[in-house]
Amino acid sequence: MIAKFRPALAVALLAALCSCSGSGRSARPQLAYVTNGIASFWVIADKGARAGARQFDADVDVQMPAEGVADQKRIVQGLLARHVDGIAISPIDPDNQTDLLNEIAAQTVLITHDSDAPRSQRRCFVGIDNYVAGRACGQLVKQALPQGGRVMLFVGRLEQLNARHRRQGVIDELLDRPADPTRQDPNNGPLAGPRYTVLDTRTDQFDFAKAKAQVEDAIARYPDLDAVVGLFAYNPPKCLEAVREAGKVGRIQVIGFDEDDGTLQGIKDGAVYGTVVQDPYRYGFESVRIMAGLARGDQSVLPPGGILHIPARQITAANVDSFWTALRQLTQ
């Protein structure tokens, strides 16, 4: 017996086949969220990305490179081989990763988060204005040392655009300069202003033991050091460990970035003056929202100008309890 041709059934079968073939852009987008390292900051972003995936009916693979640029490239190439529908990445070295980023953009949706790569073909950036946030961190230093003082900066790496902008914002605020996000002071000696001197900026390449050792060395090298500033999430707790072990809590002010538990506890204990926090949960959530929309052909999810700036906040003893409570509720 010859089966009867049923047009409606044929259309349904064709639609099912089309949704599972071709570019890989299925009804449920397969997305990736790539960080620039492993830190408590990214654990919070992971929570946000997964919450976004649930809300916007997508799957998200969160990847945290452990060994810098080479590891990040390996991760990206593996994701492209899987034909994912979108990649959100925090570039480690945007100046030297443009080819890699454009390779991503040629094959799938590309957005950047946390640290931008404006010369790449990314669709948008999700994150704070790091120069403005750096100046907010500098304001905390001024509050902690109203009479002025000698300051050291510590950060994972200066290849990242967010680190460079953050550092410059702190320096410009302490030296009472007018705002200029394009300014870039070399890291080859002290920078002195009327009341504050930035002695040096030390990098550690995400080596936590080195991060602490750098602070210990600075404390020994500069007996009159007044403040240490940690610009990546793990830096403030390492700064505090070194200051505490040197018996200089209160004598050397600790100011930080991000919301590591050690930093927040230090603020509660009076050992850390304050920190400038981002919103990594929202970074993850918004990145997934935008990628999922673009994967489905919805261009309206793109922010005006290709930048979704999420404001930074200053956290001190006055608001640490309420902030930490809200953060725990969000990430539990």
C-alpha atoms as a PDB file:
ATOM      1  CA  MET A   1       0.000   0.000   0.000  1.00  0.00           C
ATOM      2  CA  ILE A   2       1.240   3.468  -0.883  1.00  0.00           C
ATOM      3  CA  ALA A   3       1.015   5.947   2.020  1.00  0.00           C
ATOM      4  CA  LYS A   4      -0.967   9.100   1.407  1.00  0.00           C
ATOM      5  CA  PHE A   5       1.002  12.342   1.215  1.00  0.00           C
ATOM      6  CA  ARG A   6       0.073  14.624   4.096  1.00  0.00           C
ATOM      7  CA  PRO A   7       1.211  18.241   3.523  1.00  0.00           C
ATOM      8  CA  ALA A   8       0.776  19.296   7.160  1.00  0.00           C
ATOM      9  CA  LEU A   9       2.930  16.412   8.376  1.00  0.00           C
ATOM     10  CA  ALA A  10       5.604  17.203   5.783  1.00  0.00           C
ATOM     11  CA  VAL A  11       5.742  20.844   6.875  1.00  0.00           C
ATOM     12  CA  ALA A  12       6.082  19.813  10.521  1.00  0.00           C
ATOM     13  CA  LEU A  13       8.891  17.379   9.730  1.00  0.00           C
ATOM     14  CA  LEU A  14      10.716  19.998   7.655  1.00  0.00           C
ATOM     15  CA  ALA A  15      10.452  22.551  10.457  1.00  0.00           C
ATOM     16  CA  ALA A  16      11.847  20.034  12.938  1.00  0.00           C
ATOM     17  CA  LEU A  17      14.766  19.228  10.652  1.00  0.00           C
ATOM     18  CA  CYS A  18      15.559  22.897  10.049  1.00  0.00           C
ATOM     19  CA  SER A  19      15.595  23.657  13.765  1.00  0.00           C
ATOM     20  CA  CYS A  20      18.304  21.041  14.308  1.00  0.00           C
ATOM     21  CA  SER A  21      20.571  21.779  11.353  1.00  0.00           C
ATOM     22  CA  GLY A  22      22.362  24.563   9.528  1.00  0.00           C
ATOM     23  CA  SER A  23      23.977  27.274  11.643  1.00  0.00           C
ATOM     24  CA  GLY A  24      23.180  25.536  14.943  1.00  0.00           C
ATOM     25  CA  ARG A  25      20.867  28.371  16.087  1.00  0.00           C
ATOM     26  CA  SER A  26      18.145  26.224  17.618  1.00  0.00           C
ATOM     27  CA  ALA A  27      15.127  27.272  19.670  1.00  0.00           C
ATOM     28  CA  ARG A  28      17.265  26.759  22.771  1.00  0.00           C
ATOM     29  CA  PRO A  29      20.566  28.613  22.199  1.00  0.00           C
ATOM     30  CA  GLN A  30      23.817  26.995  23.254  1.00  0.00           C
ATOM     31  CA  LEU A  31      25.891  29.767  24.851  1.00  0.00           C
ATOM     32  CA  ALA A  32      29.285  30.135  26.536  1.00  0.00           C
ATOM     33  CA  TYR A  33      30.504  32.529  29.207  1.00  0.00           C
ATOM     34  CA  VAL A  34      34.308  32.753  29.354  1.00  0.00           C
ATOM     35  CA  THR A  35      36.101  34.527  32.201  1.00  0.00           C
ATOM     36  CA  ASN A  36      39.688  35.802  32.381  1.00  0.00           C
ATOM     37  CA  GLY A  37      40.731  33.609  35.300  1.00  0.00           C
ATOM     38  CA  ILE A  38      39.552  31.836  38.425  1.00  0.00           C
ATOM     39  CA  ALA A  39      38.398  34.020  41.324  1.00  0.00           C
ATOM     40  CA  SER A  40      35.492  34.510  43.727  1.00  0.00           C
ATOM     41  CA  PHE A  41      34.267  37.319  41.465  1.00  0.00           C
ATOM     42  CA  TRP A  42      33.625  34.793  38.706  1.00  0.00           C
ATOM     43  CA  VAL A  43      31.740  32.440  41.007  1.00  0.00           C
ATOM     44  CA  ILE A  44      29.144  35.214  41.404  1.00  0.00           C
ATOM     45  CA  ALA A  45      29.080  35.831  37.644  1.00  0.00           C
ATOM     46  CA  ASP A  46      28.537  32.101  37.116  1.00  0.00           C
ATOM     47  CA  LYS A  47      25.400  32.293  39.287  1.00  0.00           C
ATOM     48  CA  GLY A  48      24.089  35.179  37.202  1.00  0.00           C
ATOM     49  CA  ALA A  49      24.815  33.442  33.903  1.00  0.00           C
ATOM     50  CA  ARG A  50      22.953  30.320  35.000  1.00  0.00           C
ATOM     51  CA  ALA A  51      20.021  32.376  36.242  1.00  0.00           C
ATOM     52  CA  GLY A  52      19.909  34.077  32.846  1.00  0.00           C
ATOM     53  CA  ALA A  53      19.982  30.737  31.075  1.00  0.00           C
ATOM     54  CA  ARG A  54      16.964  29.571  33.081  1.00  0.00           C
ATOM     55  CA  GLN A  55      15.004  32.752  32.427  1.00  0.00           C
ATOM     56  CA  PHE A  56      15.786  33.026  28.716  1.00  0.00           C
ATOM     57  CA  ASP A  57      15.523  29.315  27.874  1.00  0.00           C
ATOM     58  CA  ALA A  58      19.166  28.734  26.946  1.00  0.00           C
ATOM     59  CA  ASP A  59      22.041  26.483  27.924  1.00  0.00           C
ATOM     60  CA  VAL A  60      25.227  28.154  29.147  1.00  0.00           C
ATOM     61  CA  ASP A  61      28.701  26.682  29.568  1.00  0.00           C
ATOM     62  CA  VAL A  62      30.788  28.748  32.016  1.00  0.00           C
ATOM     63  CA  GLN A  63      34.525  28.375  31.427  1.00  0.00           C
ATOM     64  CA  MET A  64      37.297  29.793  33.641  1.00  0.00           C
ATOM     65  CA  PRO A  65      40.822  29.664  32.158  1.00  0.00           C
ATOM     66  CA  ALA A  66      43.503  28.781  34.669  1.00  0.00           C
ATOM     67  CA  GLU A  67      46.615  29.589  32.638  1.00  0.00           C
ATOM     68  CA  GLY A  68      46.150  32.942  30.953  1.00  0.00           C
ATOM     69  CA  VAL A  69      45.909  33.771  27.265  1.00  0.00           C
ATOM     70  CA  ALA A  70      46.861  30.340  25.939  1.00  0.00           C
ATOM     71  CA  ASP A  71      44.228  28.608  28.055  1.00  0.00           C
ATOM     72  CA  GLN A  72      41.580  31.152  27.081  1.00  0.00           C
ATOM     73  CA  LYS A  73      42.398  30.571  23.388  1.00  0.00           C
ATOM     74  CA  ARG A  74      42.163  26.799  23.837  1.00  0.00           C
ATOM     75  CA  ILE A  75      38.747  27.167  25.461  1.00  0.00           C
ATOM     76  CA  VAL A  76      37.486  29.438  22.688  1.00  0.00           C
ATOM     77  CA  GLN A  77      38.651  27.127  19.934  1.00  0.00           C
ATOM     78  CA  GLY A  78      36.876  24.215  21.608  1.00  0.00           C
ATOM     79  CA  LEU A  79      33.663  26.227  21.823  1.00  0.00           C
ATOM     80  CA  LEU A  80      33.853  27.214  18.161  1.00  0.00           C
ATOM     81  CA  ALA A  81      34.345  23.565  17.222  1.00  0.00           C
ATOM     82  CA  ARG A  82      31.060  22.852  19.016  1.00  0.00           C
ATOM     83  CA  HIS A  83      29.313  25.613  17.003  1.00  0.00           C
ATOM     84  CA  VAL A  84      27.909  27.394  20.037  1.00  0.00           C
ATOM     85  CA  ASP A  85      25.397  30.163  19.355  1.00  0.00           C
ATOM     86  CA  GLY A  86      27.208  32.846  21.320  1.00  0.00           C
ATOM     87  CA  ILE A  87      30.348  33.547  23.363  1.00  0.00           C
ATOM     88  CA  ALA A  88      30.693  36.209  26.046  1.00  0.00           C
ATOM     89  CA  ILE A  89      34.354  36.705  26.934  1.00  0.00           C
ATOM     90  CA  SER A  90      36.479  38.855  29.230  1.00  0.00           C
ATOM     91  CA  PRO A  91      39.619  39.305  27.090  1.00  0.00           C
ATOM     92  CA  ILE A  92      42.894  38.886  28.957  1.00  0.00           C
ATOM     93  CA  ASP A  93      45.013  40.806  26.447  1.00  0.00           C
ATOM     94  CA  PRO A  94      42.673  42.588  24.008  1.00  0.00           C
ATOM     95  CA  ASP A  95      45.467  44.317  22.080  1.00  0.00           C
ATOM     96  CA  ASN A  96      46.955  40.944  21.133  1.00  0.00           C
ATOM     97  CA  GLN A  97      43.732  38.945  20.942  1.00  0.00           C
ATOM     98  CA  THR A  98      41.976  40.920  18.215  1.00  0.00           C
ATOM     99  CA  ASP A  99      42.438  38.165  15.635  1.00  0.00           C
ATOM    100  CA  LEU A 100      41.010  35.561  18.014  1.00  0.00           C
ATOM    101  CA  LEU A 101      38.064  37.763  18.929  1.00  0.00           C
ATOM    102  CA  ASN A 102      37.301  38.506  15.286  1.00  0.00           C
ATOM    103  CA  GLU A 103      37.488  34.789  14.539  1.00  0.00           C
ATOM    104  CA  ILE A 104      34.764  34.296  17.142  1.00  0.00           C
ATOM    105  CA  ALA A 105      32.700  37.147  15.687  1.00  0.00           C
ATOM    106  CA  ALA A 106      32.934  35.626  12.198  1.00  0.00           C
ATOM    107  CA  GLN A 107      31.409  32.366  13.403  1.00  0.00           C
ATOM    108  CA  THR A 108      28.970  33.247  16.156  1.00  0.00           C
ATOM    109  CA  VAL A 109      27.654  36.014  18.403  1.00  0.00           C
ATOM    110  CA  LEU A 110      30.497  37.728  20.295  1.00  0.00           C
ATOM    111  CA  ILE A 111      30.119  40.066  23.255  1.00  0.00           C
ATOM    112  CA  THR A 112      32.672  41.171  25.828  1.00  0.00           C
ATOM    113  CA  HIS A 113      32.092  41.548  29.549  1.00  0.00           C
ATOM    114  CA  ASP A 114      34.059  42.899  32.517  1.00  0.00           C
ATOM    115  CA  SER A 115      36.960  43.994  30.273  1.00  0.00           C
ATOM    116  CA  ASP A 116      36.336  45.337  26.794  1.00  0.00           C
ATOM    117  CA  ALA A 117      38.035  44.951  23.419  1.00  0.00           C
ATOM    118  CA  PRO A 118      36.616  47.950  21.521  1.00  0.00           C
ATOM    119  CA  ARG A 119      38.784  47.383  18.450  1.00  0.00           C
ATOM    120  CA  SER A 120      37.319  43.921  17.905  1.00  0.00           C
ATOM    121  CA  GLN A 121      34.091  43.075  16.119  1.00  0.00           C
ATOM    122  CA  ARG A 122      32.222  42.329  19.329  1.00  0.00           C
ATOM    123  CA  ARG A 123      28.511  43.187  19.309  1.00  0.00           C
ATOM    124  CA  CYS A 124      28.538  44.903  22.699  1.00  0.00           C
ATOM    125  CA  PHE A 125      30.274  45.250  26.072  1.00  0.00           C
ATOM    126  CA  VAL A 126      28.710  44.543  29.473  1.00  0.00           C
ATOM    127  CA  GLY A 127      30.446  46.038  32.516  1.00  0.00           C
ATOM    128  CA  ILE A 128      31.320  49.105  34.517  1.00  0.00           C
ATOM    129  CA  ASP A 129      33.152  52.200  33.336  1.00  0.00           C
ATOM    130  CA  ASN A 130      36.450  51.114  34.858  1.00  0.00           C
ATOM    131  CA  TYR A 131      38.038  54.552  34.727  1.00  0.00           C
ATOM    132  CA  VAL A 132      35.128  56.064  36.668  1.00  0.00           C
ATOM    133  CA  ALA A 133      35.232  53.133  39.106  1.00  0.00           C
ATOM    134  CA  GLY A 134      38.978  53.655  39.545  1.00  0.00           C
ATOM    135  CA  ARG A 135      38.353  57.253  40.511  1.00  0.00           C
ATOM    136  CA  ALA A 136      35.736  56.049  43.013  1.00  0.00           C
ATOM    137  CA  CYS A 137      38.421  53.802  44.506  1.00  0.00           C
ATOM    138  CA  GLY A 138      40.746  56.787  44.691  1.00  0.00           C
ATOM    139  CA  GLN A 139      38.040  58.663  46.595  1.00  0.00           C
ATOM    140  CA  LEU A 140      38.036  55.889  49.197  1.00  0.00           C
ATOM    141  CA  VAL A 141      41.806  56.291  49.565  1.00  0.00           C
ATOM    142  CA  LYS A 142      41.295  60.007  50.152  1.00  0.00           C
ATOM    143  CA  GLN A 143      38.661  59.279  52.805  1.00  0.00           C
ATOM    144  CA  ALA A 144      40.977  56.808  54.535  1.00  0.00           C
ATOM    145  CA  LEU A 145      43.967  59.190  54.335  1.00  0.00           C
ATOM    146  CA  PRO A 146      42.530  62.720  54.420  1.00  0.00           C
ATOM    147  CA  GLN A 147      45.958  64.235  55.124  1.00  0.00           C
ATOM    148  CA  GLY A 148      47.562  62.482  52.159  1.00  0.00           C
ATOM    149  CA  GLY A 149      50.104  59.675  52.053  1.00  0.00           C
ATOM    150  CA  ARG A 150      52.138  57.102  50.143  1.00  0.00           C
ATOM    151  CA  VAL A 151      50.172  54.456  48.262  1.00  0.00           C
ATOM    152  CA  MET A 152      50.930  51.183  46.462  1.00  0.00           C
ATOM    153  CA  LEU A 153      48.681  49.552  43.864  1.00  0.00           C
ATOM    154  CA  PHE A 154      48.362  45.791  43.261  1.00  0.00           C
ATOM    155  CA  VAL A 155      46.626  44.078  40.346  1.00  0.00           C
ATOM    156  CA  GLY A 156      46.658  40.776  38.483  1.00  0.00           C
ATOM    157  CA  ARG A 157      47.830  42.059  35.111  1.00  0.00           C
ATOM    158  CA  LEU A 158      47.956  45.314  33.191  1.00  0.00           C
ATOM    159  CA  GLU A 159      47.377  43.758  29.773  1.00  0.00           C
ATOM    160  CA  GLN A 160      43.633  43.863  30.484  1.00  0.00           C
ATOM    161  CA  LEU A 161      41.906  47.087  29.525  1.00  0.00           C
ATOM    162  CA  ASN A 162      39.838  47.135  32.716  1.00  0.00           C
ATOM    163  CA  ALA A 163      42.999  46.941  34.847  1.00  0.00           C
ATOM    164  CA  ARG A 164      44.653  49.786  32.951  1.00  0.00           C
ATOM    165  CA  HIS A 165      41.587  52.001  33.208  1.00  0.00           C
ATOM    166  CA  ARG A 166      41.064  51.145  36.861  1.00  0.00           C
ATOM    167  CA  ARG A 167      44.670  51.927  37.748  1.00  0.00           C
ATOM    168  CA  GLN A 168      44.592  55.201  35.831  1.00  0.00           C
ATOM    169  CA  GLY A 169      41.375  56.267  37.526  1.00  0.00           C
ATOM    170  CA  VAL A 170      42.905  55.758  40.979  1.00  0.00           C
ATOM    171  CA  ILE A 171      46.053  57.674  40.014  1.00  0.00           C
ATOM    172  CA  ASP A 172      44.198  60.581  38.425  1.00  0.00           C
ATOM    173  CA  GLU A 173      41.910  60.928  41.442  1.00  0.00           C
ATOM    174  CA  LEU A 174      44.806  60.917  43.911  1.00  0.00           C
ATOM    175  CA  LEU A 175      46.777  63.413  41.847  1.00  0.00           C
ATOM    176  CA  ASP A 176      43.697  65.669  41.467  1.00  0.00           C
ATOM    177  CA  ARG A 177      43.817  65.571  37.684  1.00  0.00           C
ATOM    178  CA  PRO A 178      40.882  66.322  35.396  1.00  0.00           C
ATOM    179  CA  ALA A 179      39.142  63.256  33.985  1.00  0.00           C
ATOM    180  CA  ASP A 180      40.851  61.731  30.942  1.00  0.00           C
ATOM    181  CA  PRO A 181      40.176  58.024  30.293  1.00  0.00           C
ATOM    182  CA  THR A 182      42.762  58.027  27.494  1.00  0.00           C
ATOM    183  CA  ARG A 183      45.638  58.965  29.821  1.00  0.00           C
ATOM    184  CA  GLN A 184      48.073  56.141  30.555  1.00  0.00           C
ATOM    185  CA  ASP A 185      50.927  56.734  32.979  1.00  0.00           C
ATOM    186  CA  PRO A 186      53.905  54.403  32.568  1.00  0.00           C
ATOM    187  CA  ASN A 187      54.656  52.055  35.416  1.00  0.00           C
ATOM    188  CA  ASN A 188      58.295  53.024  35.825  1.00  0.00           C
ATOM    189  CA  GLY A 189      58.498  55.080  38.979  1.00  0.00           C
ATOM    190  CA  PRO A 190      56.611  57.090  41.612  1.00  0.00           C
ATOM    191  CA  LEU A 191      53.829  59.464  40.588  1.00  0.00           C
ATOM    192  CA  ALA A 192      53.554  62.396  42.991  1.00  0.00           C
ATOM    193  CA  GLY A 193      50.797  64.924  43.526  1.00  0.00           C
ATOM    194  CA  PRO A 194      50.195  67.668  46.100  1.00  0.00           C
ATOM    195  CA  ARG A 195      49.126  65.248  48.849  1.00  0.00           C
ATOM    196  CA  TYR A 196      49.472  61.674  47.566  1.00  0.00           C
ATOM    197  CA  THR A 197      52.283  59.689  45.987  1.00  0.00           C
ATOM    198  CA  VAL A 198      51.639  56.465  44.098  1.00  0.00           C
ATOM    199  CA  LEU A 199      54.897  54.603  44.661  1.00  0.00           C
ATOM    200  CA  ASP A 200      54.406  51.727  42.231  1.00  0.00           C
ATOM    201  CA  THR A 201      51.971  49.247  40.679  1.00  0.00           C
ATOM    202  CA  ARG A 202      52.787  45.558  41.155  1.00  0.00           C
ATOM    203  CA  THR A 203      51.315  42.727  39.058  1.00  0.00           C
ATOM    204  CA  ASP A 204      51.028  39.031  39.911  1.00  0.00           C
ATOM    205  CA  GLN A 205      49.457  37.323  36.844  1.00  0.00           C
ATOM    206  CA  PHE A 206      46.724  35.736  38.999  1.00  0.00           C
ATOM    207  CA  ASP A 207      49.319  33.978  41.167  1.00  0.00           C
ATOM    208  CA  PHE A 208      47.745  34.283  44.619  1.00  0.00           C
ATOM    209  CA  ALA A 209      50.954  33.481  46.511  1.00  0.00           C
ATOM    210  CA  LYS A 210      52.796  36.120  44.515  1.00  0.00           C
ATOM    211  CA  ALA A 211      49.973  38.584  45.141  1.00  0.00           C
ATOM    212  CA  LYS A 212      50.586  38.347  48.878  1.00  0.00           C
ATOM    213  CA  ALA A 213      54.383  38.310  48.509  1.00  0.00           C
ATOM    214  CA  GLN A 214      54.248  41.549  46.496  1.00  0.00           C
ATOM    215  CA  VAL A 215      52.500  43.288  49.393  1.00  0.00           C
ATOM    216  CA  GLU A 216      54.933  41.842  51.930  1.00  0.00           C
ATOM    217  CA  ASP A 217      57.827  43.158  49.871  1.00  0.00           C
ATOM    218  CA  ALA A 218      56.256  46.614  49.627  1.00  0.00           C
ATOM    219  CA  ILE A 219      55.723  46.774  53.392  1.00  0.00           C
ATOM    220  CA  ALA A 220      59.380  45.882  53.966  1.00  0.00           C
ATOM    221  CA  ARG A 221      60.676  48.216  51.247  1.00  0.00           C
ATOM    222  CA  TYR A 222      58.630  51.275  52.284  1.00  0.00           C
ATOM    223  CA  PRO A 223      58.462  51.624  56.095  1.00  0.00           C
ATOM    224  CA  ASP A 224      56.358  54.777  55.695  1.00  0.00           C
ATOM    225  CA  LEU A 225      53.774  53.142  53.401  1.00  0.00           C
ATOM    226  CA  ASP A 226      50.297  54.475  54.222  1.00  0.00           C
ATOM    227  CA  ALA A 227      47.917  52.483  52.034  1.00  0.00           C
ATOM    228  CA  VAL A 228      47.703  49.457  49.775  1.00  0.00           C
ATOM    229  CA  VAL A 229      45.065  49.200  47.058  1.00  0.00           C
ATOM    230  CA  GLY A 230      44.054  45.873  45.482  1.00  0.00           C
ATOM    231  CA  LEU A 231      42.402  46.212  42.072  1.00  0.00           C
ATOM    232  CA  PHE A 232      41.296  42.612  41.360  1.00  0.00           C
ATOM    233  CA  ALA A 233      38.935  40.616  43.578  1.00  0.00           C
ATOM    234  CA  TYR A 234      41.614  38.468  45.221  1.00  0.00           C
ATOM    235  CA  ASN A 235      44.074  41.340  45.770  1.00  0.00           C
ATOM    236  CA  PRO A 236      42.413  43.060  48.775  1.00  0.00           C
ATOM    237  CA  PRO A 237      42.276  39.870  50.905  1.00  0.00           C
ATOM    238  CA  LYS A 238      45.944  39.190  50.078  1.00  0.00           C
ATOM    239  CA  CYS A 239      46.780  42.784  50.967  1.00  0.00           C
ATOM    240  CA  LEU A 240      44.982  42.359  54.281  1.00  0.00           C
ATOM    241  CA  GLU A 241      46.796  39.104  55.065  1.00  0.00           C
ATOM    242  CA  ALA A 242      50.178  40.765  54.535  1.00  0.00           C
ATOM    243  CA  VAL A 243      49.264  43.874  56.522  1.00  0.00           C
ATOM    244  CA  ARG A 244      47.854  41.810  59.379  1.00  0.00           C
ATOM    245  CA  GLU A 245      50.906  39.545  59.561  1.00  0.00           C
ATOM    246  CA  ALA A 246      53.143  42.628  59.609  1.00  0.00           C
ATOM    247  CA  GLY A 247      51.186  43.913  62.612  1.00  0.00           C
ATOM    248  CA  LYS A 248      50.167  47.077  60.741  1.00  0.00           C
ATOM    249  CA  VAL A 249      46.359  46.897  60.672  1.00  0.00           C
ATOM    250  CA  GLY A 250      45.188  50.485  61.112  1.00  0.00           C
ATOM    251  CA  ARG A 251      48.644  51.829  60.342  1.00  0.00           C
ATOM    252  CA  ILE A 252      48.445  50.806  56.677  1.00  0.00           C
ATOM    253  CA  GLN A 253      45.000  51.366  55.177  1.00  0.00           C
ATOM    254  CA  VAL A 254      43.608  48.664  52.879  1.00  0.00           C
ATOM    255  CA  ILE A 255      41.304  49.689  50.035  1.00  0.00           C
ATOM    256  CA  GLY A 256      39.980  47.288  47.454  1.00  0.00           C
ATOM    257  CA  PHE A 257      37.900  46.349  44.477  1.00  0.00           C
ATOM    258  CA  ASP A 258      35.118  43.771  44.308  1.00  0.00           C
ATOM    259  CA  GLU A 259      33.170  41.810  46.864  1.00  0.00           C
ATOM    260  CA  ASP A 260      35.330  38.917  47.998  1.00  0.00           C
ATOM    261  CA  ASP A 261      34.148  37.566  51.357  1.00  0.00           C
ATOM    262  CA  GLY A 262      37.547  38.313  52.878  1.00  0.00           C
ATOM    263  CA  THR A 263      37.298  41.938  51.793  1.00  0.00           C
ATOM    264  CA  LEU A 264      33.766  42.365  53.142  1.00  0.00           C
ATOM    265  CA  GLN A 265      34.687  40.708  56.449  1.00  0.00           C
ATOM    266  CA  GLY A 266      37.699  42.997  56.638  1.00  0.00           C
ATOM    267  CA  ILE A 267      35.412  46.011  56.305  1.00  0.00           C
ATOM    268  CA  LYS A 268      33.166  44.673  59.067  1.00  0.00           C
ATOM    269  CA  ASP A 269      36.214  44.115  61.283  1.00  0.00           C
ATOM    270  CA  GLY A 270      37.563  47.608  60.633  1.00  0.00           C
ATOM    271  CA  ALA A 271      40.725  46.253  58.955  1.00  0.00           C
ATOM    272  CA  VAL A 272      39.707  47.274  55.407  1.00  0.00           C
ATOM    273  CA  TYR A 273      38.512  50.821  54.826  1.00  0.00           C
ATOM    274  CA  GLY A 274      36.319  50.114  51.817  1.00  0.00           C
ATOM    275  CA  THR A 275      35.927  48.567  48.400  1.00  0.00           C
ATOM    276  CA  VAL A 276      34.417  49.441  45.024  1.00  0.00           C
ATOM    277  CA  VAL A 277      32.078  46.685  43.902  1.00  0.00           C
ATOM    278  CA  GLN A 278      30.878  45.770  40.460  1.00  0.00           C
ATOM    279  CA  ASP A 279      27.893  43.534  39.810  1.00  0.00           C
ATOM    280  CA  PRO A 280      29.285  40.242  38.468  1.00  0.00           C
ATOM    281  CA  TYR A 281      25.922  38.531  38.930  1.00  0.00           C
ATOM    282  CA  ARG A 282      24.359  40.999  36.528  1.00  0.00           C
ATOM    283  CA  TYR A 283      27.331  40.665  34.147  1.00  0.00           C
ATOM    284  CA  GLY A 284      26.522  36.990  33.778  1.00  0.00           C
ATOM    285  CA  PHE A 285      22.764  37.497  33.622  1.00  0.00           C
ATOM    286  CA  GLU A 286      22.828  40.331  31.076  1.00  0.00           C
ATOM    287  CA  SER A 287      25.426  38.591  28.902  1.00  0.00           C
ATOM    288  CA  VAL A 288      23.186  35.544  28.573  1.00  0.00           C
ATOM    289  CA  ARG A 289      20.102  37.687  27.963  1.00  0.00           C
ATOM    290  CA  ILE A 290      21.794  39.549  25.107  1.00  0.00           C
ATOM    291  CA  MET A 291      23.376  36.460  23.537  1.00  0.00           C
ATOM    292  CA  ALA A 292      20.116  34.503  23.699  1.00  0.00           C
ATOM    293  CA  GLY A 293      18.244  37.349  22.040  1.00  0.00           C
ATOM    294  CA  LEU A 294      20.810  37.773  19.279  1.00  0.00           C
ATOM    295  CA  ALA A 295      20.926  34.018  18.669  1.00  0.00           C
ATOM    296  CA  ARG A 296      17.181  34.193  18.049  1.00  0.00           C
ATOM    297  CA  GLY A 297      17.559  37.165  15.711  1.00  0.00           C
ATOM    298  CA  ASP A 298      16.328  39.823  18.152  1.00  0.00           C
ATOM    299  CA  GLN A 299      18.526  42.897  17.605  1.00  0.00           C
ATOM    300  CA  SER A 300      16.568  44.972  20.132  1.00  0.00           C
ATOM    301  CA  VAL A 301      18.519  43.371  23.001  1.00  0.00           C
ATOM    302  CA  LEU A 302      21.635  45.344  22.023  1.00  0.00           C
ATOM    303  CA  PRO A 303      22.286  48.363  24.267  1.00  0.00           C
ATOM    304  CA  PRO A 304      22.548  51.824  22.664  1.00  0.00           C
ATOM    305  CA  GLY A 305      26.066  52.455  21.417  1.00  0.00           C
ATOM    306  CA  GLY A 306      27.038  48.839  22.030  1.00  0.00           C
ATOM    307  CA  ILE A 307      27.823  49.390  25.724  1.00  0.00           C
ATOM    308  CA  LEU A 308      25.764  48.326  28.742  1.00  0.00           C
ATOM    309  CA  HIS A 309      27.371  50.186  31.622  1.00  0.00           C
ATOM    310  CA  ILE A 310      26.437  48.811  35.036  1.00  0.00           C
ATOM    311  CA  PRO A 311      27.232  51.313  37.815  1.00  0.00           C
ATOM    312  CA  ALA A 312      29.882  50.519  40.429  1.00  0.00           C
ATOM    313  CA  ARG A 313      29.287  51.161  44.151  1.00  0.00           C
ATOM    314  CA  GLN A 314      31.449  52.130  47.113  1.00  0.00           C
ATOM    315  CA  ILE A 315      31.106  49.815  50.114  1.00  0.00           C
ATOM    316  CA  THR A 316      32.300  50.919  53.559  1.00  0.00           C
ATOM    317  CA  ALA A 317      31.382  50.139  57.157  1.00  0.00           C
ATOM    318  CA  ALA A 318      28.215  52.207  56.687  1.00  0.00           C
ATOM    319  CA  ASN A 319      26.619  49.857  54.145  1.00  0.00           C
ATOM    320  CA  VAL A 320      28.582  46.593  54.190  1.00  0.00           C
ATOM    321  CA  ASP A 321      25.965  44.653  56.186  1.00  0.00           C
ATOM    322  CA  SER A 322      23.064  45.462  53.872  1.00  0.00           C
ATOM    323  CA  PHE A 323      25.174  44.865  50.759  1.00  0.00           C
ATOM    324  CA  TRP A 324      26.514  41.518  51.970  1.00  0.00           C
ATOM    325  CA  THR A 325      23.053  40.322  53.005  1.00  0.00           C
ATOM    326  CA  ALA A 326      21.641  41.171  49.571  1.00  0.00           C
ATOM    327  CA  LEU A 327      24.591  39.469  47.866  1.00  0.00           C
ATOM    328  CA  ARG A 328      24.097  36.271  49.849  1.00  0.00           C
ATOM    329  CA  GLN A 329      20.403  36.185  49.037  1.00  0.00           C
ATOM    330  CA  LEU A 330      21.178  36.631  45.348  1.00  0.00           C
ATOM    331  CA  THR A 331      23.796  33.894  45.127  1.00  0.00           C
ATOM    332  CA  GLN A 332      22.568  31.197  47.534  1.00  0.00           C
END
